[in-house]
Amino acid sequence: MLTVFAGLAGLGLGLSLITTTMLLTWLNPHVYIDTVVMLASIAATHGDERSLTAGGAVAASLVWFTALGSAPPVSAACCTRRRPGASSTR
């Protein structure tokens, strides 16, 4: 793990970027509320099908975060396209 951080620092990425990323990742209360409290309470109501509920949650997360990662290039293309008749001055 430290070799990864050393490699990032060698690329010019400072310690503040790594620290901010780690803090946002591990100290985010929404992660724990959503994952532990909400999904666990939903899964508890499904009895023997808890593993299916967990698998569905994992699959939904993969789809959701893949869509979030794919959205910026698509939306950027839509936002930078010039509309016919639009003025060129801002």
PDB file of N, CA and C in Angstrom:
ATOM      1  N   MET A   1       0.817  -1.187   0.000  1.00  0.00           N
ATOM      2  CA  MET A   1       0.000   0.000   0.000  1.00  0.00           C
ATOM      3  C   MET A   1       0.863   1.255   0.000  1.00  0.00           C
ATOM      4  N   LEU A   2       1.931   1.236   0.775  1.00  0.00           N
ATOM      5  CA  LEU A   2       2.810   2.391   0.818  1.00  0.00           C
ATOM      6  C   LEU A   2       3.519   2.605  -0.502  1.00  0.00           C
ATOM      7  N   THR A   3       3.789   1.524  -1.228  1.00  0.00           N
ATOM      8  CA  THR A   3       4.439   1.689  -2.523  1.00  0.00           C
ATOM      9  C   THR A   3       3.516   2.387  -3.515  1.00  0.00           C
ATOM     10  N   VAL A   4       2.216   2.163  -3.382  1.00  0.00           N
ATOM     11  CA  VAL A   4       1.261   2.863  -4.246  1.00  0.00           C
ATOM     12  C   VAL A   4       1.300   4.347  -3.949  1.00  0.00           C
ATOM     13  N   PHE A   5       1.295   4.713  -2.640  1.00  0.00           N
ATOM     14  CA  PHE A   5       1.348   6.124  -2.278  1.00  0.00           C
ATOM     15  C   PHE A   5       2.659   6.762  -2.713  1.00  0.00           C
ATOM     16  N   ALA A   6       3.762   6.019  -2.583  1.00  0.00           N
ATOM     17  CA  ALA A   6       5.057   6.545  -3.020  1.00  0.00           C
ATOM     18  C   ALA A   6       5.062   6.755  -4.522  1.00  0.00           C
ATOM     19  N   GLY A   7       4.431   5.845  -5.255  1.00  0.00           N
ATOM     20  CA  GLY A   7       4.348   6.001  -6.700  1.00  0.00           C
ATOM     21  C   GLY A   7       3.514   7.206  -7.095  1.00  0.00           C
ATOM     22  N   LEU A   8       2.419   7.450  -6.376  1.00  0.00           N
ATOM     23  CA  LEU A   8       1.591   8.619  -6.653  1.00  0.00           C
ATOM     24  C   LEU A   8       2.333   9.904  -6.331  1.00  0.00           C
ATOM     25  N   ALA A   9       3.085   9.890  -5.249  1.00  0.00           N
ATOM     26  CA  ALA A   9       3.868  11.068  -4.895  1.00  0.00           C
ATOM     27  C   ALA A   9       4.941  11.318  -5.950  1.00  0.00           C
ATOM     28  N   GLY A  10       5.493  10.252  -6.526  1.00  0.00           N
ATOM     29  CA  GLY A  10       6.492  10.399  -7.570  1.00  0.00           C
ATOM     30  C   GLY A  10       5.909  10.974  -8.851  1.00  0.00           C
ATOM     31  N   LEU A  11       4.602  10.816  -9.049  1.00  0.00           N
ATOM     32  CA  LEU A  11       3.948  11.374 -10.220  1.00  0.00           C
ATOM     33  C   LEU A  11       3.588  12.843 -10.041  1.00  0.00           C
ATOM     34  N   GLY A  12       3.902  13.395  -8.892  1.00  0.00           N
ATOM     35  CA  GLY A  12       3.601  14.793  -8.642  1.00  0.00           C
ATOM     36  C   GLY A  12       2.298  14.990  -7.874  1.00  0.00           C
ATOM     37  N   LEU A  13       1.657  13.901  -7.465  1.00  0.00           N
ATOM     38  CA  LEU A  13       0.445  14.016  -6.677  1.00  0.00           C
ATOM     39  C   LEU A  13       0.840  14.134  -5.216  1.00  0.00           C
ATOM     40  N   GLY A  14       0.484  15.214  -4.601  1.00  0.00           N
ATOM     41  CA  GLY A  14       0.940  15.488  -3.249  1.00  0.00           C
ATOM     42  C   GLY A  14       0.229  14.671  -2.189  1.00  0.00           C
ATOM     43  N   LEU A  15       0.749  14.781  -1.004  1.00  0.00           N
ATOM     44  CA  LEU A  15       0.186  14.083   0.136  1.00  0.00           C
ATOM     45  C   LEU A  15      -1.211  14.591   0.456  1.00  0.00           C
ATOM     46  N   SER A  16      -1.495  15.857   0.162  1.00  0.00           N
ATOM     47  CA  SER A  16      -2.818  16.396   0.457  1.00  0.00           C
ATOM     48  C   SER A  16      -3.896  15.705  -0.383  1.00  0.00           C
ATOM     49  N   LEU A  17      -3.602  15.355  -1.611  1.00  0.00           N
ATOM     50  CA  LEU A  17      -4.559  14.645  -2.448  1.00  0.00           C
ATOM     51  C   LEU A  17      -4.837  13.261  -1.876  1.00  0.00           C
ATOM     52  N   ILE A  18      -3.800  12.575  -1.481  1.00  0.00           N
ATOM     53  CA  ILE A  18      -3.961  11.235  -0.919  1.00  0.00           C
ATOM     54  C   ILE A  18      -4.725  11.316   0.399  1.00  0.00           C
ATOM     55  N   THR A  19      -4.388  12.270   1.239  1.00  0.00           N
ATOM     56  CA  THR A  19      -5.069  12.430   2.521  1.00  0.00           C
ATOM     57  C   THR A  19      -6.533  12.759   2.320  1.00  0.00           C
ATOM     58  N   THR A  20      -6.832  13.667   1.419  1.00  0.00           N
ATOM     59  CA  THR A  20      -8.227  14.030   1.150  1.00  0.00           C
ATOM     60  C   THR A  20      -9.012  12.843   0.629  1.00  0.00           C
ATOM     61  N   THR A  21      -8.426  12.077  -0.269  1.00  0.00           N
ATOM     62  CA  THR A  21      -9.105  10.902  -0.811  1.00  0.00           C
ATOM     63  C   THR A  21      -9.391   9.886   0.282  1.00  0.00           C
ATOM     64  N   MET A  22      -8.423   9.633   1.122  1.00  0.00           N
ATOM     65  CA  MET A  22      -8.613   8.670   2.206  1.00  0.00           C
ATOM     66  C   MET A  22      -9.665   9.161   3.199  1.00  0.00           C
ATOM     67  N   LEU A  23      -9.644  10.450   3.527  1.00  0.00           N
ATOM     68  CA  LEU A  23     -10.631  10.988   4.462  1.00  0.00           C
ATOM     69  C   LEU A  23     -12.038  10.919   3.888  1.00  0.00           C
ATOM     70  N   LEU A  24     -12.188  11.286   2.622  1.00  0.00           N
ATOM     71  CA  LEU A  24     -13.511  11.233   2.003  1.00  0.00           C
ATOM     72  C   LEU A  24     -14.016   9.802   1.865  1.00  0.00           C
ATOM     73  N   THR A  25     -13.103   8.888   1.697  1.00  0.00           N
ATOM     74  CA  THR A  25     -13.492   7.486   1.556  1.00  0.00           C
ATOM     75  C   THR A  25     -13.866   6.869   2.890  1.00  0.00           C
ATOM     76  N   TRP A  26     -13.022   6.994   3.885  1.00  0.00           N
ATOM     77  CA  TRP A  26     -13.205   6.253   5.130  1.00  0.00           C
ATOM     78  C   TRP A  26     -13.987   6.999   6.200  1.00  0.00           C
ATOM     79  N   LEU A  27     -14.098   8.312   6.108  1.00  0.00           N
ATOM     80  CA  LEU A  27     -14.847   9.062   7.115  1.00  0.00           C
ATOM     81  C   LEU A  27     -16.198   9.547   6.606  1.00  0.00           C
ATOM     82  N   ASN A  28     -16.666   8.988   5.524  1.00  0.00           N
ATOM     83  CA  ASN A  28     -17.951   9.374   4.943  1.00  0.00           C
ATOM     84  C   ASN A  28     -19.074   8.649   5.694  1.00  0.00           C
ATOM     85  N   PRO A  29     -19.877   9.371   6.470  1.00  0.00           N
ATOM     86  CA  PRO A  29     -20.910   8.691   7.259  1.00  0.00           C
ATOM     87  C   PRO A  29     -22.013   8.067   6.406  1.00  0.00           C
ATOM     88  N   HIS A  30     -22.232   8.568   5.214  1.00  0.00           N
ATOM     89  CA  HIS A  30     -23.290   8.022   4.358  1.00  0.00           C
ATOM     90  C   HIS A  30     -22.990   6.590   3.933  1.00  0.00           C
ATOM     91  N   VAL A  31     -21.721   6.270   3.804  1.00  0.00           N
ATOM     92  CA  VAL A  31     -21.347   4.900   3.458  1.00  0.00           C
ATOM     93  C   VAL A  31     -21.839   3.939   4.523  1.00  0.00           C
ATOM     94  N   TYR A  32     -21.605   4.288   5.752  1.00  0.00           N
ATOM     95  CA  TYR A  32     -21.983   3.404   6.851  1.00  0.00           C
ATOM     96  C   TYR A  32     -23.486   3.387   7.060  1.00  0.00           C
ATOM     97  N   ILE A  33     -24.149   4.528   6.895  1.00  0.00           N
ATOM     98  CA  ILE A  33     -25.597   4.571   7.058  1.00  0.00           C
ATOM     99  C   ILE A  33     -26.266   3.741   5.974  1.00  0.00           C
ATOM    100  N   ASP A  34     -25.869   3.957   4.728  1.00  0.00           N
ATOM    101  CA  ASP A  34     -26.489   3.235   3.613  1.00  0.00           C
ATOM    102  C   ASP A  34     -26.168   1.749   3.651  1.00  0.00           C
ATOM    103  N   THR A  35     -24.910   1.434   3.805  1.00  0.00           N
ATOM    104  CA  THR A  35     -24.499   0.043   3.702  1.00  0.00           C
ATOM    105  C   THR A  35     -24.871  -0.773   4.924  1.00  0.00           C
ATOM    106  N   VAL A  36     -24.461  -0.329   6.066  1.00  0.00           N
ATOM    107  CA  VAL A  36     -24.631  -1.148   7.261  1.00  0.00           C
ATOM    108  C   VAL A  36     -26.066  -1.091   7.769  1.00  0.00           C
ATOM    109  N   VAL A  37     -26.588   0.089   7.968  1.00  0.00           N
ATOM    110  CA  VAL A  37     -27.897   0.217   8.601  1.00  0.00           C
ATOM    111  C   VAL A  37     -29.023  -0.121   7.629  1.00  0.00           C
ATOM    112  N   MET A  38     -29.079   0.568   6.505  1.00  0.00           N
ATOM    113  CA  MET A  38     -30.210   0.401   5.604  1.00  0.00           C
ATOM    114  C   MET A  38     -30.225  -0.967   4.929  1.00  0.00           C
ATOM    115  N   LEU A  39     -29.123  -1.360   4.297  1.00  0.00           N
ATOM    116  CA  LEU A  39     -29.107  -2.640   3.599  1.00  0.00           C
ATOM    117  C   LEU A  39     -29.197  -3.826   4.549  1.00  0.00           C
ATOM    118  N   ALA A  40     -28.577  -3.699   5.714  1.00  0.00           N
ATOM    119  CA  ALA A  40     -28.671  -4.796   6.675  1.00  0.00           C
ATOM    120  C   ALA A  40     -30.092  -4.957   7.191  1.00  0.00           C
ATOM    121  N   SER A  41     -30.791  -3.856   7.429  1.00  0.00           N
ATOM    122  CA  SER A  41     -32.164  -3.968   7.911  1.00  0.00           C
ATOM    123  C   SER A  41     -33.088  -4.501   6.818  1.00  0.00           C
ATOM    124  N   ILE A  42     -32.836  -4.152   5.577  1.00  0.00           N
ATOM    125  CA  ILE A  42     -33.631  -4.695   4.471  1.00  0.00           C
ATOM    126  C   ILE A  42     -33.345  -6.181   4.300  1.00  0.00           C
ATOM    127  N   ALA A  43     -32.080  -6.551   4.357  1.00  0.00           N
ATOM    128  CA  ALA A  43     -31.711  -7.957   4.185  1.00  0.00           C
ATOM    129  C   ALA A  43     -32.252  -8.820   5.323  1.00  0.00           C
ATOM    130  N   ALA A  44     -32.357  -8.260   6.505  1.00  0.00           N
ATOM    131  CA  ALA A  44     -32.846  -9.027   7.653  1.00  0.00           C
ATOM    132  C   ALA A  44     -34.308  -9.442   7.473  1.00  0.00           C
ATOM    133  N   THR A  45     -35.053  -8.698   6.680  1.00  0.00           N
ATOM    134  CA  THR A  45     -36.462  -9.035   6.468  1.00  0.00           C
ATOM    135  C   THR A  45     -36.645 -10.131   5.427  1.00  0.00           C
ATOM    136  N   HIS A  46     -35.587 -10.532   4.744  1.00  0.00           N
ATOM    137  CA  HIS A  46     -35.694 -11.527   3.681  1.00  0.00           C
ATOM    138  C   HIS A  46     -35.296 -12.937   4.115  1.00  0.00           C
ATOM    139  N   GLY A  47     -35.001 -13.120   5.380  1.00  0.00           N
ATOM    140  CA  GLY A  47     -34.726 -14.458   5.909  1.00  0.00           C
ATOM    141  C   GLY A  47     -33.606 -15.185   5.198  1.00  0.00           C
ATOM    142  N   ASP A  48     -33.943 -16.328   4.599  1.00  0.00           N
ATOM    143  CA  ASP A  48     -32.935 -17.174   3.951  1.00  0.00           C
ATOM    144  C   ASP A  48     -32.412 -16.598   2.639  1.00  0.00           C
ATOM    145  N   GLU A  49     -33.067 -15.592   2.105  1.00  0.00           N
ATOM    146  CA  GLU A  49     -32.638 -14.997   0.835  1.00  0.00           C
ATOM    147  C   GLU A  49     -31.768 -13.767   1.045  1.00  0.00           C
ATOM    148  N   ARG A  50     -31.116 -13.682   2.202  1.00  0.00           N
ATOM    149  CA  ARG A  50     -30.236 -12.543   2.495  1.00  0.00           C
ATOM    150  C   ARG A  50     -29.094 -12.455   1.504  1.00  0.00           C
ATOM    151  N   SER A  51     -28.567 -13.593   1.070  1.00  0.00           N
ATOM    152  CA  SER A  51     -27.439 -13.564   0.129  1.00  0.00           C
ATOM    153  C   SER A  51     -27.876 -13.024  -1.229  1.00  0.00           C
ATOM    154  N   LEU A  52     -29.114 -13.317  -1.629  1.00  0.00           N
ATOM    155  CA  LEU A  52     -29.630 -12.745  -2.878  1.00  0.00           C
ATOM    156  C   LEU A  52     -29.779 -11.232  -2.755  1.00  0.00           C
ATOM    157  N   THR A  53     -30.217 -10.780  -1.602  1.00  0.00           N
ATOM    158  CA  THR A  53     -30.340  -9.340  -1.367  1.00  0.00           C
ATOM    159  C   THR A  53     -28.969  -8.676  -1.427  1.00  0.00           C
ATOM    160  N   ALA A  54     -27.968  -9.300  -0.812  1.00  0.00           N
ATOM    161  CA  ALA A  54     -26.612  -8.759  -0.851  1.00  0.00           C
ATOM    162  C   ALA A  54     -26.069  -8.747  -2.277  1.00  0.00           C
ATOM    163  N   GLY A  55     -26.311  -9.829  -3.028  1.00  0.00           N
ATOM    164  CA  GLY A  55     -25.866  -9.878  -4.424  1.00  0.00           C
ATOM    165  C   GLY A  55     -26.534  -8.812  -5.271  1.00  0.00           C
ATOM    166  N   GLY A  56     -27.809  -8.591  -5.030  1.00  0.00           N
ATOM    167  CA  GLY A  56     -28.519  -7.535  -5.755  1.00  0.00           C
ATOM    168  C   GLY A  56     -27.977  -6.157  -5.423  1.00  0.00           C
ATOM    169  N   ALA A  57     -27.632  -5.939  -4.157  1.00  0.00           N
ATOM    170  CA  ALA A  57     -27.065  -4.651  -3.757  1.00  0.00           C
ATOM    171  C   ALA A  57     -25.703  -4.430  -4.406  1.00  0.00           C
ATOM    172  N   VAL A  58     -24.904  -5.476  -4.468  1.00  0.00           N
ATOM    173  CA  VAL A  58     -23.590  -5.368  -5.116  1.00  0.00           C
ATOM    174  C   VAL A  58     -23.752  -5.083  -6.608  1.00  0.00           C
ATOM    175  N   ALA A  59     -24.661  -5.803  -7.257  1.00  0.00           N
ATOM    176  CA  ALA A  59     -24.893  -5.586  -8.691  1.00  0.00           C
ATOM    177  C   ALA A  59     -25.416  -4.175  -8.961  1.00  0.00           C
ATOM    178  N   ALA A  60     -26.332  -3.706  -8.120  1.00  0.00           N
ATOM    179  CA  ALA A  60     -26.863  -2.351  -8.297  1.00  0.00           C
ATOM    180  C   ALA A  60     -25.771  -1.305  -8.098  1.00  0.00           C
ATOM    181  N   SER A  61     -24.880  -1.527  -7.137  1.00  0.00           N
ATOM    182  CA  SER A  61     -23.773  -0.597  -6.920  1.00  0.00           C
ATOM    183  C   SER A  61     -22.835  -0.563  -8.114  1.00  0.00           C
ATOM    184  N   LEU A  62     -22.534  -1.725  -8.672  1.00  0.00           N
ATOM    185  CA  LEU A  62     -21.666  -1.763  -9.854  1.00  0.00           C
ATOM    186  C   LEU A  62     -22.286  -1.010 -11.025  1.00  0.00           C
ATOM    187  N   VAL A  63     -23.569  -1.224 -11.249  1.00  0.00           N
ATOM    188  CA  VAL A  63     -24.248  -0.519 -12.350  1.00  0.00           C
ATOM    189  C   VAL A  63     -24.278   0.981 -12.082  1.00  0.00           C
ATOM    190  N   TRP A  64     -24.618   1.366 -10.852  1.00  0.00           N
ATOM    191  CA  TRP A  64     -24.745   2.781 -10.504  1.00  0.00           C
ATOM    192  C   TRP A  64     -23.411   3.519 -10.642  1.00  0.00           C
ATOM    193  N   PHE A  65     -22.350   2.975 -10.074  1.00  0.00           N
ATOM    194  CA  PHE A  65     -21.078   3.680 -10.117  1.00  0.00           C
ATOM    195  C   PHE A  65     -20.439   3.629 -11.501  1.00  0.00           C
ATOM    196  N   THR A  66     -20.734   2.593 -12.280  1.00  0.00           N
ATOM    197  CA  THR A  66     -20.282   2.578 -13.676  1.00  0.00           C
ATOM    198  C   THR A  66     -20.994   3.667 -14.469  1.00  0.00           C
ATOM    199  N   ALA A  67     -22.294   3.824 -14.227  1.00  0.00           N
ATOM    200  CA  ALA A  67     -23.046   4.892 -14.906  1.00  0.00           C
ATOM    201  C   ALA A  67     -22.535   6.268 -14.494  1.00  0.00           C
ATOM    202  N   LEU A  68     -22.238   6.443 -13.212  1.00  0.00           N
ATOM    203  CA  LEU A  68     -21.698   7.726 -12.756  1.00  0.00           C
ATOM    204  C   LEU A  68     -20.345   8.022 -13.394  1.00  0.00           C
ATOM    205  N   GLY A  69     -19.524   6.999 -13.535  1.00  0.00           N
ATOM    206  CA  GLY A  69     -18.220   7.190 -14.151  1.00  0.00           C
ATOM    207  C   GLY A  69     -18.295   7.430 -15.643  1.00  0.00           C
ATOM    208  N   SER A  70     -19.349   6.935 -16.281  1.00  0.00           N
ATOM    209  CA  SER A  70     -19.515   7.100 -17.723  1.00  0.00           C
ATOM    210  C   SER A  70     -20.233   8.386 -18.084  1.00  0.00           C
ATOM    211  N   ALA A  71     -20.931   8.971 -17.147  1.00  0.00           N
ATOM    212  CA  ALA A  71     -21.763  10.141 -17.443  1.00  0.00           C
ATOM    213  C   ALA A  71     -20.985  11.403 -17.822  1.00  0.00           C
ATOM    214  N   PRO A  72     -19.875  11.744 -17.181  1.00  0.00           N
ATOM    215  CA  PRO A  72     -19.216  13.008 -17.527  1.00  0.00           C
ATOM    216  C   PRO A  72     -18.791  13.140 -18.990  1.00  0.00           C
ATOM    217  N   PRO A  73     -18.180  12.134 -19.612  1.00  0.00           N
ATOM    218  CA  PRO A  73     -17.834  12.321 -21.025  1.00  0.00           C
ATOM    219  C   PRO A  73     -19.065  12.492 -21.916  1.00  0.00           C
ATOM    220  N   VAL A  74     -20.132  11.776 -21.605  1.00  0.00           N
ATOM    221  CA  VAL A  74     -21.350  11.883 -22.406  1.00  0.00           C
ATOM    222  C   VAL A  74     -21.984  13.252 -22.222  1.00  0.00           C
ATOM    223  N   SER A  75     -22.091  13.705 -20.981  1.00  0.00           N
ATOM    224  CA  SER A  75     -22.706  15.003 -20.732  1.00  0.00           C
ATOM    225  C   SER A  75     -21.823  16.140 -21.237  1.00  0.00           C
ATOM    226  N   ALA A  76     -20.514  15.973 -21.208  1.00  0.00           N
ATOM    227  CA  ALA A  76     -19.620  17.006 -21.730  1.00  0.00           C
ATOM    228  C   ALA A  76     -19.827  17.177 -23.230  1.00  0.00           C
ATOM    229  N   ALA A  77     -20.024  16.070 -23.933  1.00  0.00           N
ATOM    230  CA  ALA A  77     -20.270  16.158 -25.370  1.00  0.00           C
ATOM    231  C   ALA A  77     -21.580  16.897 -25.646  1.00  0.00           C
ATOM    232  N   CYS A  78     -22.582  16.663 -24.826  1.00  0.00           N
ATOM    233  CA  CYS A  78     -23.863  17.354 -25.006  1.00  0.00           C
ATOM    234  C   CYS A  78     -23.758  18.828 -24.655  1.00  0.00           C
ATOM    235  N   CYS A  79     -22.968  19.154 -23.646  1.00  0.00           N
ATOM    236  CA  CYS A  79     -22.868  20.536 -23.183  1.00  0.00           C
ATOM    237  C   CYS A  79     -21.993  21.398 -24.087  1.00  0.00           C
ATOM    238  N   THR A  80     -21.057  20.805 -24.796  1.00  0.00           N
ATOM    239  CA  THR A  80     -20.160  21.598 -25.634  1.00  0.00           C
ATOM    240  C   THR A  80     -20.644  21.706 -27.074  1.00  0.00           C
ATOM    241  N   ARG A  81     -21.691  20.972 -27.421  1.00  0.00           N
ATOM    242  CA  ARG A  81     -22.215  21.041 -28.778  1.00  0.00           C
ATOM    243  C   ARG A  81     -22.876  22.399 -29.001  1.00  0.00           C
ATOM    244  N   ARG A  82     -22.572  23.029 -30.117  1.00  0.00           N
ATOM    245  CA  ARG A  82     -23.159  24.335 -30.425  1.00  0.00           C
ATOM    246  C   ARG A  82     -24.558  24.149 -30.976  1.00  0.00           C
ATOM    247  N   ARG A  83     -25.435  24.994 -30.502  1.00  0.00           N
ATOM    248  CA  ARG A  83     -26.805  24.961 -31.004  1.00  0.00           C
ATOM    249  C   ARG A  83     -26.921  25.867 -32.211  1.00  0.00           C
ATOM    250  N   PRO A  84     -27.721  25.462 -33.193  1.00  0.00           N
ATOM    251  CA  PRO A  84     -27.914  26.336 -34.350  1.00  0.00           C
ATOM    252  C   PRO A  84     -28.591  27.634 -33.921  1.00  0.00           C
ATOM    253  N   GLY A  85     -28.095  28.731 -34.411  1.00  0.00           N
ATOM    254  CA  GLY A  85     -28.692  30.020 -34.125  1.00  0.00           C
ATOM    255  C   GLY A  85     -28.238  30.650 -32.830  1.00  0.00           C
ATOM    256  N   ALA A  86     -27.375  29.993 -32.087  1.00  0.00           N
ATOM    257  CA  ALA A  86     -26.893  30.544 -30.826  1.00  0.00           C
ATOM    258  C   ALA A  86     -25.815  31.570 -31.120  1.00  0.00           C
ATOM    259  N   SER A  87     -25.794  32.639 -30.328  1.00  0.00           N
ATOM    260  CA  SER A  87     -24.793  33.669 -30.567  1.00  0.00           C
ATOM    261  C   SER A  87     -23.431  33.184 -30.075  1.00  0.00           C
ATOM    262  N   SER A  88     -22.378  33.675 -30.700  1.00  0.00           N
ATOM    263  CA  SER A  88     -21.042  33.228 -30.347  1.00  0.00           C
ATOM    264  C   SER A  88     -20.444  34.080 -29.244  1.00  0.00           C
ATOM    265  N   THR A  89     -21.094  35.162 -28.841  1.00  0.00           N
ATOM    266  CA  THR A  89     -20.564  36.008 -27.771  1.00  0.00           C
ATOM    267  C   THR A  89     -21.112  35.557 -26.428  1.00  0.00           C
ATOM    268  N   ARG A  90     -20.324  35.765 -25.415  1.00  0.00           N
ATOM    269  CA  ARG A  90     -20.766  35.383 -24.066  1.00  0.00           C
ATOM    270  C   ARG A  90     -20.773  36.578 -23.186  1.00  0.00           C
TER     271      ARG A  90
END
